[in-house]
Amino acid sequence: MKTEEQTPNTIVRHSNHNYQVFLRDQCAFSAMQSIINSSNYDNFLGNNGMPVPEFVAKESYLIADAMLKQREL
């Protein structure tokens, strides 16, 4: 049950954990999992075949921001 309006600054509480995750972070986590699990993950590899974490993280937050923006419509 939602008791307050959720914004990117709203904290998503996780029981039995000592950390707080913002809604934007939760969306980025989901996007990152999708990128890593996709059959196109090779497109996110560097020239030497090593993953590029910074690129995946940036793309994940771009997707998260788009998701949150869509909620405003």
C-alpha atoms as a PDB file:
ATOM      1  CA  MET A   1       0.000   0.000   0.000  1.00  0.00           C
ATOM      2  CA  LYS A   2       1.429   3.350  -1.032  1.00  0.00           C
ATOM      3  CA  THR A   3       1.096   5.953   1.722  1.00  0.00           C
ATOM      4  CA  GLU A   4       3.034   8.813   0.119  1.00  0.00           C
ATOM      5  CA  GLU A   5       3.796  10.034  -3.364  1.00  0.00           C
ATOM      6  CA  GLN A   6       6.915   8.307  -4.630  1.00  0.00           C
ATOM      7  CA  THR A   7       9.565  10.473  -6.266  1.00  0.00           C
ATOM      8  CA  PRO A   8      13.198   9.819  -7.180  1.00  0.00           C
ATOM      9  CA  ASN A   9      14.003  10.952  -3.648  1.00  0.00           C
ATOM     10  CA  THR A  10      11.563   8.562  -2.008  1.00  0.00           C
ATOM     11  CA  ILE A  11      13.318   5.822  -0.108  1.00  0.00           C
ATOM     12  CA  VAL A  12      12.305   2.246  -0.797  1.00  0.00           C
ATOM     13  CA  ARG A  13      12.627   0.457   2.522  1.00  0.00           C
ATOM     14  CA  HIS A  14      14.092  -3.029   2.546  1.00  0.00           C
ATOM     15  CA  SER A  15      13.311  -4.936   5.699  1.00  0.00           C
ATOM     16  CA  ASN A  16      16.145  -6.588   7.609  1.00  0.00           C
ATOM     17  CA  HIS A  17      18.785  -4.493   5.861  1.00  0.00           C
ATOM     18  CA  ASN A  18      20.842  -1.577   7.108  1.00  0.00           C
ATOM     19  CA  TYR A  19      20.675   0.460   3.918  1.00  0.00           C
ATOM     20  CA  GLN A  20      18.244   2.667   2.069  1.00  0.00           C
ATOM     21  CA  VAL A  21      17.611   2.543  -1.660  1.00  0.00           C
ATOM     22  CA  PHE A  22      15.978   5.353  -3.592  1.00  0.00           C
ATOM     23  CA  LEU A  23      13.355   4.600  -6.210  1.00  0.00           C
ATOM     24  CA  ARG A  24      15.749   5.852  -8.916  1.00  0.00           C
ATOM     25  CA  ASP A  25      18.360   3.361  -7.715  1.00  0.00           C
ATOM     26  CA  GLN A  26      15.838   0.519  -7.733  1.00  0.00           C
ATOM     27  CA  CYS A  27      14.927   1.330 -11.350  1.00  0.00           C
ATOM     28  CA  ALA A  28      18.610   1.464 -12.294  1.00  0.00           C
ATOM     29  CA  PHE A  29      19.233  -1.909 -10.625  1.00  0.00           C
ATOM     30  CA  SER A  30      16.461  -3.444 -12.723  1.00  0.00           C
ATOM     31  CA  ALA A  31      17.752  -1.840 -15.918  1.00  0.00           C
ATOM     32  CA  MET A  32      21.289  -3.031 -15.177  1.00  0.00           C
ATOM     33  CA  GLN A  33      20.096  -6.601 -14.682  1.00  0.00           C
ATOM     34  CA  SER A  34      18.274  -6.455 -17.996  1.00  0.00           C
ATOM     35  CA  ILE A  35      21.354  -5.131 -19.801  1.00  0.00           C
ATOM     36  CA  ILE A  36      23.625  -7.786 -18.320  1.00  0.00           C
ATOM     37  CA  ASN A  37      21.150 -10.613 -18.965  1.00  0.00           C
ATOM     38  CA  SER A  38      20.355  -9.508 -22.509  1.00  0.00           C
ATOM     39  CA  SER A  39      21.602 -11.393 -25.528  1.00  0.00           C
ATOM     40  CA  ASN A  40      23.148  -8.085 -26.690  1.00  0.00           C
ATOM     41  CA  TYR A  41      25.466  -7.804 -23.681  1.00  0.00           C
ATOM     42  CA  ASP A  42      28.439  -8.239 -26.023  1.00  0.00           C
ATOM     43  CA  ASN A  43      27.624  -4.741 -27.321  1.00  0.00           C
ATOM     44  CA  PHE A  44      28.615  -3.441 -23.883  1.00  0.00           C
ATOM     45  CA  LEU A  45      32.090  -5.004 -23.936  1.00  0.00           C
ATOM     46  CA  GLY A  46      35.241  -3.011 -24.486  1.00  0.00           C
ATOM     47  CA  ASN A  47      37.816  -3.558 -27.193  1.00  0.00           C
ATOM     48  CA  ASN A  48      39.755  -5.974 -24.982  1.00  0.00           C
ATOM     49  CA  GLY A  49      36.632  -8.043 -24.182  1.00  0.00           C
ATOM     50  CA  MET A  50      36.399  -6.699 -20.643  1.00  0.00           C
ATOM     51  CA  PRO A  51      33.052  -5.371 -19.357  1.00  0.00           C
ATOM     52  CA  VAL A  52      32.797  -1.616 -19.106  1.00  0.00           C
ATOM     53  CA  PRO A  53      31.036  -1.098 -15.753  1.00  0.00           C
ATOM     54  CA  GLU A  54      30.944   2.662 -16.066  1.00  0.00           C
ATOM     55  CA  PHE A  55      29.091   2.446 -19.370  1.00  0.00           C
ATOM     56  CA  VAL A  56      26.566  -0.091 -18.079  1.00  0.00           C
ATOM     57  CA  ALA A  57      25.991   1.996 -14.932  1.00  0.00           C
ATOM     58  CA  LYS A  58      25.493   5.185 -16.966  1.00  0.00           C
ATOM     59  CA  GLU A  59      23.039   3.486 -19.340  1.00  0.00           C
ATOM     60  CA  SER A  60      21.173   1.979 -16.369  1.00  0.00           C
ATOM     61  CA  TYR A  61      20.619   5.383 -14.789  1.00  0.00           C
ATOM     62  CA  LEU A  62      19.597   6.902 -18.136  1.00  0.00           C
ATOM     63  CA  ILE A  63      16.922   4.211 -18.394  1.00  0.00           C
ATOM     64  CA  ALA A  64      15.897   4.787 -14.761  1.00  0.00           C
ATOM     65  CA  ASP A  65      15.547   8.531 -15.364  1.00  0.00           C
ATOM     66  CA  ALA A  66      13.384   7.856 -18.420  1.00  0.00           C
ATOM     67  CA  MET A  67      11.200   5.504 -16.388  1.00  0.00           C
ATOM     68  CA  LEU A  68      10.708   8.108 -13.661  1.00  0.00           C
ATOM     69  CA  LYS A  69       9.994  10.839 -16.213  1.00  0.00           C
ATOM     70  CA  GLN A  70       7.343   8.624 -17.800  1.00  0.00           C
ATOM     71  CA  ARG A  71       5.611   8.315 -14.425  1.00  0.00           C
ATOM     72  CA  GLU A  72       5.003  12.083 -14.474  1.00  0.00           C
ATOM     73  CA  LEU A  73       2.895  11.924 -17.664  1.00  0.00           C
END
